Each structure stands twice: as structure tokens, then as C-alpha cells.
């Protein structure tokens, strides 16, 4: 079956984004524990492994000759946290720096509830087939229930990232330091699974519920 070129490019782009996301999440975690296993100190292992996302940033620049604002935002947070860690020499502060990123992302997601279109709609539509994206666009403009669902999903995602941020700070200063990177990654994965399942369930329930227009049911 022939595939539309635009669809092929979109799928390829999604796969590349997924691979880069794994690099940004899995590589720093694996590198930290490898360094600790060979005897590198906690502070140095955190500092070195925290630089791993630069690999994904370099790949984006080499492959596309451009760097997205989201990548620059992530890099700026990591660099700021690293500089603070260098000045203080506190390994727990280096661990806690990731909470700044997830916290700001969560607040930004919630902030889009007052924007023209909320985060979940803006983030999802480029991944949809053109016909489906056109339907979503029409639903956003014409269907109050659809707008409510998109905003509720966006709120859920924002809250998940805020919970992650608070939990990371608590873990950074209460758990043994070598456990924190793995615990933080596991928590984020669980929160993302939970919010995805909530979004699916909420969307299905809203879609199956009777909708009303002003002036009568339909």
C-alpha cells in the first residue's frame, strides 16, 4: 500500500523524536550508574551524566541545522542547575535540578489553558493524519464538549508534571542519593502512564455522553 509522503515524513519524525527522548532520559540514567559502578563519586557522576542530553541537541543541529526552542529551554534549565551545583558542590542540588524543568513545564502546560489553544491540542494535532487534524480543528471551533476535553487533558498533564517536580525535590533530600535518579525516572514514567490512561478514559466518556446545544439536545 502506497503511503502519502507527508504521512511518511510525519511517522519518521515521530520515530526520531522518540529515539531522541530515549537518549535524553535513558542515557543519563545508565551513564550515572555505570560511572558509580566504576568508582566515580556521586557529584562527578551526576555532573557527567547530566551532560548527556547535549548528544541529542548536537544530533538535532547536525541533522536539521536548527534547534527547537523546547530543546534550548531544556538545555538552559540543565545548564543553570549545573552551574548552581558547581558553585555549591552539593550533589543533592544537582539531583534536584530536574525538578525545575518538570515544574516549569507543568506550569507552562496549565498556563496554556488561557491561551488560544491548550497544550494537548497543539501538541497532538501535528501527529494526526491531515483529515483527522482538520476534524479536530473544526471540533475545537464548534464543539464546547471537545474544548472541555482538551482543557481537562491539558490540566491533567500539567498537574502530573507538577507532582513530579515536588516529588523529585522530596526524593533528592530524603532518599539515598544513588537511588534518586532511578526513582525519579520511574516516577515520571508512572505519572505519564497514569495521565495517558486518564486522558483516554476521559475522552471516551466525554465522547459517549450526550451533548447539547443551546436550544435543545442533539
Protein backbone atom coordinates (compact mmCIF):
# COMPACT_ATOMS: atom_id res chain seq x y z
CA UNK A 1 0.00 0.00 0.00
CA UNK A 2 1.39 3.41 -1.01
CA UNK A 3 1.92 5.83 1.82
CA UNK A 4 1.40 9.54 1.47
CA UNK A 5 4.83 11.26 1.57
CA UNK A 6 3.66 13.71 4.21
CA UNK A 7 2.47 10.82 6.38
CA UNK A 8 5.79 9.07 5.92
CA UNK A 9 7.71 12.17 6.97
CA UNK A 10 5.46 12.61 9.99
CA UNK A 11 5.98 8.99 11.10
CA UNK A 12 9.74 9.26 10.56
CA UNK A 13 9.81 12.50 12.55
CA UNK A 14 7.84 10.89 15.38
CA UNK A 15 10.26 7.96 15.49
CA UNK A 16 13.24 10.30 15.56
CA UNK A 17 11.67 12.32 18.38
CA UNK A 18 11.04 9.12 20.35
CA UNK A 19 14.63 7.97 19.90
CA UNK A 20 15.97 11.36 20.97
CA UNK A 21 13.67 11.35 24.00
CA UNK A 22 15.03 7.94 24.99
CA UNK A 23 18.56 9.27 24.60
CA UNK A 24 17.73 12.24 26.83
CA UNK A 25 16.16 10.01 29.52
CA UNK A 26 17.82 6.58 29.38
CA UNK A 27 21.40 7.54 28.52
CA UNK A 28 21.93 9.89 31.51
CA UNK A 29 20.43 7.30 33.86
CA UNK A 30 22.56 4.44 32.51
CA UNK A 31 25.68 6.60 32.44
CA UNK A 32 25.22 7.64 36.07
CA UNK A 33 25.05 4.05 37.31
CA UNK A 34 27.95 2.94 35.09
CA UNK A 35 30.10 5.72 36.48
CA UNK A 36 29.13 4.86 40.04
CA UNK A 37 29.90 1.19 39.40
CA UNK A 38 33.47 2.02 38.34
CA UNK A 39 34.02 4.15 41.41
CA UNK A 40 33.27 7.70 40.26
CA UNK A 41 31.95 9.92 43.05
CA UNK A 42 28.31 10.93 43.24
CA UNK A 43 28.88 14.59 42.42
CA UNK A 44 31.08 13.88 39.38
CA UNK A 45 28.79 11.10 38.12
CA UNK A 46 25.77 13.40 38.31
CA UNK A 47 27.63 16.18 36.56
CA UNK A 48 28.89 13.98 33.71
CA UNK A 49 25.64 12.09 33.17
CA UNK A 50 23.71 15.35 33.22
CA UNK A 51 25.62 16.46 30.14
CA UNK A 52 24.31 13.52 28.09
CA UNK A 53 21.29 15.44 26.66
CA UNK A 54 23.85 17.51 24.76
CA UNK A 55 24.18 14.48 22.46
CA UNK A 56 20.56 14.78 21.38
CA UNK A 57 20.96 18.53 20.97
CA UNK A 58 24.05 18.02 18.79
CA UNK A 59 22.22 15.46 16.67
CA UNK A 60 19.34 17.87 16.05
CA UNK A 61 21.78 20.55 14.97
CA UNK A 62 23.73 18.21 12.65
CA UNK A 63 20.63 16.59 11.15
CA UNK A 64 18.35 19.61 10.82
CA UNK A 65 20.66 22.62 11.15
CA UNK A 66 18.28 24.05 13.68
CA UNK A 67 17.47 23.71 17.38
CA UNK A 68 13.91 23.87 18.66
CA UNK A 69 13.04 26.37 21.37
CA UNK A 70 11.94 23.44 23.58
CA UNK A 71 15.45 21.95 23.36
CA UNK A 72 17.05 25.28 24.19
CA UNK A 73 14.67 25.65 27.14
CA UNK A 74 15.63 22.22 28.46
CA UNK A 75 19.32 22.94 27.96
CA UNK A 76 19.08 26.31 29.73
CA UNK A 77 17.46 24.71 32.79
CA UNK A 78 20.08 21.96 32.92
CA UNK A 79 22.94 24.43 32.49
CA UNK A 80 21.57 26.72 35.19
CA UNK A 81 21.15 23.81 37.59
CA UNK A 82 24.65 22.54 36.79
CA UNK A 83 26.22 25.95 37.41
CA UNK A 84 24.50 26.15 40.78
CA UNK A 85 25.74 22.65 41.57
CA UNK A 86 29.29 23.62 40.58
CA UNK A 87 29.19 26.68 42.82
CA UNK A 88 27.83 24.82 45.84
CA UNK A 89 29.39 21.38 45.32
CA UNK A 90 26.16 19.86 46.60
CA UNK A 91 25.26 16.62 44.76
CA UNK A 92 21.69 16.71 46.05
CA UNK A 93 21.21 20.09 44.41
CA UNK A 94 22.37 18.55 41.13
CA UNK A 95 19.76 15.81 41.53
CA UNK A 96 17.04 18.30 42.36
CA UNK A 97 17.73 20.43 39.27
CA UNK A 98 15.45 18.22 37.14
CA UNK A 99 12.54 19.27 39.31
CA UNK A 100 12.98 22.83 38.00
CA UNK A 101 12.42 21.58 34.46
CA UNK A 102 9.35 19.45 35.15
CA UNK A 103 7.88 22.12 37.41
CA UNK A 104 8.23 24.88 34.82
CA UNK A 105 6.86 22.59 32.10
CA UNK A 106 3.86 21.77 34.29
CA UNK A 107 3.15 25.43 34.99
CA UNK A 108 3.51 26.26 31.29
CA UNK A 109 1.04 23.50 30.33
CA UNK A 110 -1.50 24.79 32.82
CA UNK A 111 -0.87 28.33 31.57
CA UNK A 112 -1.94 27.29 28.05
CA UNK A 113 -5.47 26.80 29.41
CA UNK A 114 -5.82 30.57 28.96
CA UNK A 115 -4.17 30.57 25.53
CA UNK A 116 -5.98 30.37 22.22
CA UNK A 117 -5.46 26.60 22.23
CA UNK A 118 -4.33 24.37 25.11
CA UNK A 119 -1.16 22.32 25.11
CA UNK A 120 -2.66 18.90 24.41
CA UNK A 121 -4.37 20.14 21.26
CA UNK A 122 -1.33 21.98 19.92
CA UNK A 123 0.99 19.04 20.69
CA UNK A 124 -1.26 16.33 19.23
CA UNK A 125 -2.56 17.85 16.00
CA UNK A 126 0.79 17.74 14.11
CA UNK A 127 0.92 13.98 14.75
CA UNK A 128 -2.54 13.30 13.29
CA UNK A 129 -3.41 12.44 9.68
CA UNK A 130 -4.49 15.59 7.81
CA UNK A 131 -8.18 14.58 7.72
CA UNK A 132 -8.24 13.86 11.44
CA UNK A 133 -6.39 17.09 12.22
CA UNK A 134 -8.97 19.03 10.17
CA UNK A 135 -11.76 17.34 12.15
CA UNK A 136 -10.11 18.24 15.44
CA UNK A 137 -9.70 21.82 14.27
CA UNK A 138 -13.40 22.02 13.38
CA UNK A 139 -14.39 20.38 16.68
CA UNK A 140 -12.30 22.89 18.61
CA UNK A 141 -14.05 25.79 16.92
CA UNK A 142 -17.59 24.35 17.08
CA UNK A 143 -17.91 21.85 19.95
CA UNK A 144 -17.85 23.03 23.59
CA UNK A 145 -17.53 19.42 24.82
CA UNK A 146 -14.41 18.90 22.70
CA UNK A 147 -12.88 22.09 24.10
CA UNK A 148 -13.67 20.93 27.63
CA UNK A 149 -11.96 17.58 26.99
CA UNK A 150 -8.84 19.21 25.57
CA UNK A 151 -8.57 21.57 28.53
CA UNK A 152 -9.16 18.78 31.06
CA UNK A 153 -6.43 16.66 29.46
CA UNK A 154 -4.04 19.61 29.43
CA UNK A 155 -4.74 20.26 33.12
CA UNK A 156 -4.08 16.60 33.91
CA UNK A 157 -0.73 16.67 32.10
CA UNK A 158 0.29 19.90 33.82
CA UNK A 159 -0.62 18.55 37.27
CA UNK A 160 1.33 15.35 36.58
CA UNK A 161 4.48 17.35 35.87
CA UNK A 162 3.97 19.48 38.99
CA UNK A 163 3.57 16.35 41.12
CA UNK A 164 6.76 15.02 39.56
CA UNK A 165 8.62 18.25 40.38
CA UNK A 166 7.58 18.24 44.05
CA UNK A 167 8.30 14.53 44.41
CA UNK A 168 11.78 14.91 42.89
CA UNK A 169 12.70 17.59 45.42
CA UNK A 170 11.45 15.43 48.29
CA UNK A 171 13.34 12.39 46.99
CA UNK A 172 16.51 14.40 46.39
CA UNK A 173 16.73 15.39 50.05
CA UNK A 174 15.31 12.29 51.76
CA UNK A 175 16.40 9.18 49.82
CA UNK A 176 19.90 7.75 49.45
CA UNK A 177 21.45 9.70 46.60
CA UNK A 178 22.26 6.70 44.42
CA UNK A 179 18.58 5.70 44.37
CA UNK A 180 17.20 9.09 43.38
CA UNK A 181 17.92 9.09 39.59
CA UNK A 182 16.24 5.71 39.11
CA UNK A 183 13.35 6.59 41.42
CA UNK A 184 12.80 9.91 39.63
CA UNK A 185 12.72 8.27 36.21
CA UNK A 186 10.37 5.53 37.42
CA UNK A 187 8.04 8.11 38.95
CA UNK A 188 7.89 10.14 35.74
CA UNK A 189 7.12 7.03 33.68
CA UNK A 190 4.34 6.02 36.08
CA UNK A 191 2.86 9.52 36.07
CA UNK A 192 2.90 9.66 32.26
CA UNK A 193 1.22 6.24 32.02
CA UNK A 194 -1.40 7.36 34.52
CA UNK A 195 -2.14 10.64 32.73
CA UNK A 196 -2.31 8.92 29.32
CA UNK A 197 -4.81 6.39 30.67
CA UNK A 198 -6.82 9.17 32.30
CA UNK A 199 -6.86 11.11 29.04
CA UNK A 200 -8.09 8.08 27.10
CA UNK A 201 -10.78 7.24 29.66
CA UNK A 202 -11.95 10.84 30.00
CA UNK A 203 -12.02 11.30 26.23
CA UNK A 204 -14.07 8.11 25.71
CA UNK A 205 -16.53 9.07 28.45
CA UNK A 206 -16.97 12.56 27.05
CA UNK A 207 -17.43 11.19 23.53
CA UNK A 208 -20.11 8.74 24.64
CA UNK A 209 -22.01 11.26 26.77
CA UNK A 210 -24.99 13.04 25.18
CA UNK A 211 -24.09 16.55 24.01
CA UNK A 212 -26.41 19.53 23.97
CA UNK A 213 -26.53 22.71 22.06
CA UNK A 214 -28.19 25.84 23.30
CA UNK A 215 -31.82 25.45 22.32
CA UNK A 216 -32.15 21.67 22.52
CA UNK A 217 -30.48 18.28 22.53
CA UNK A 218 -28.92 16.54 19.60
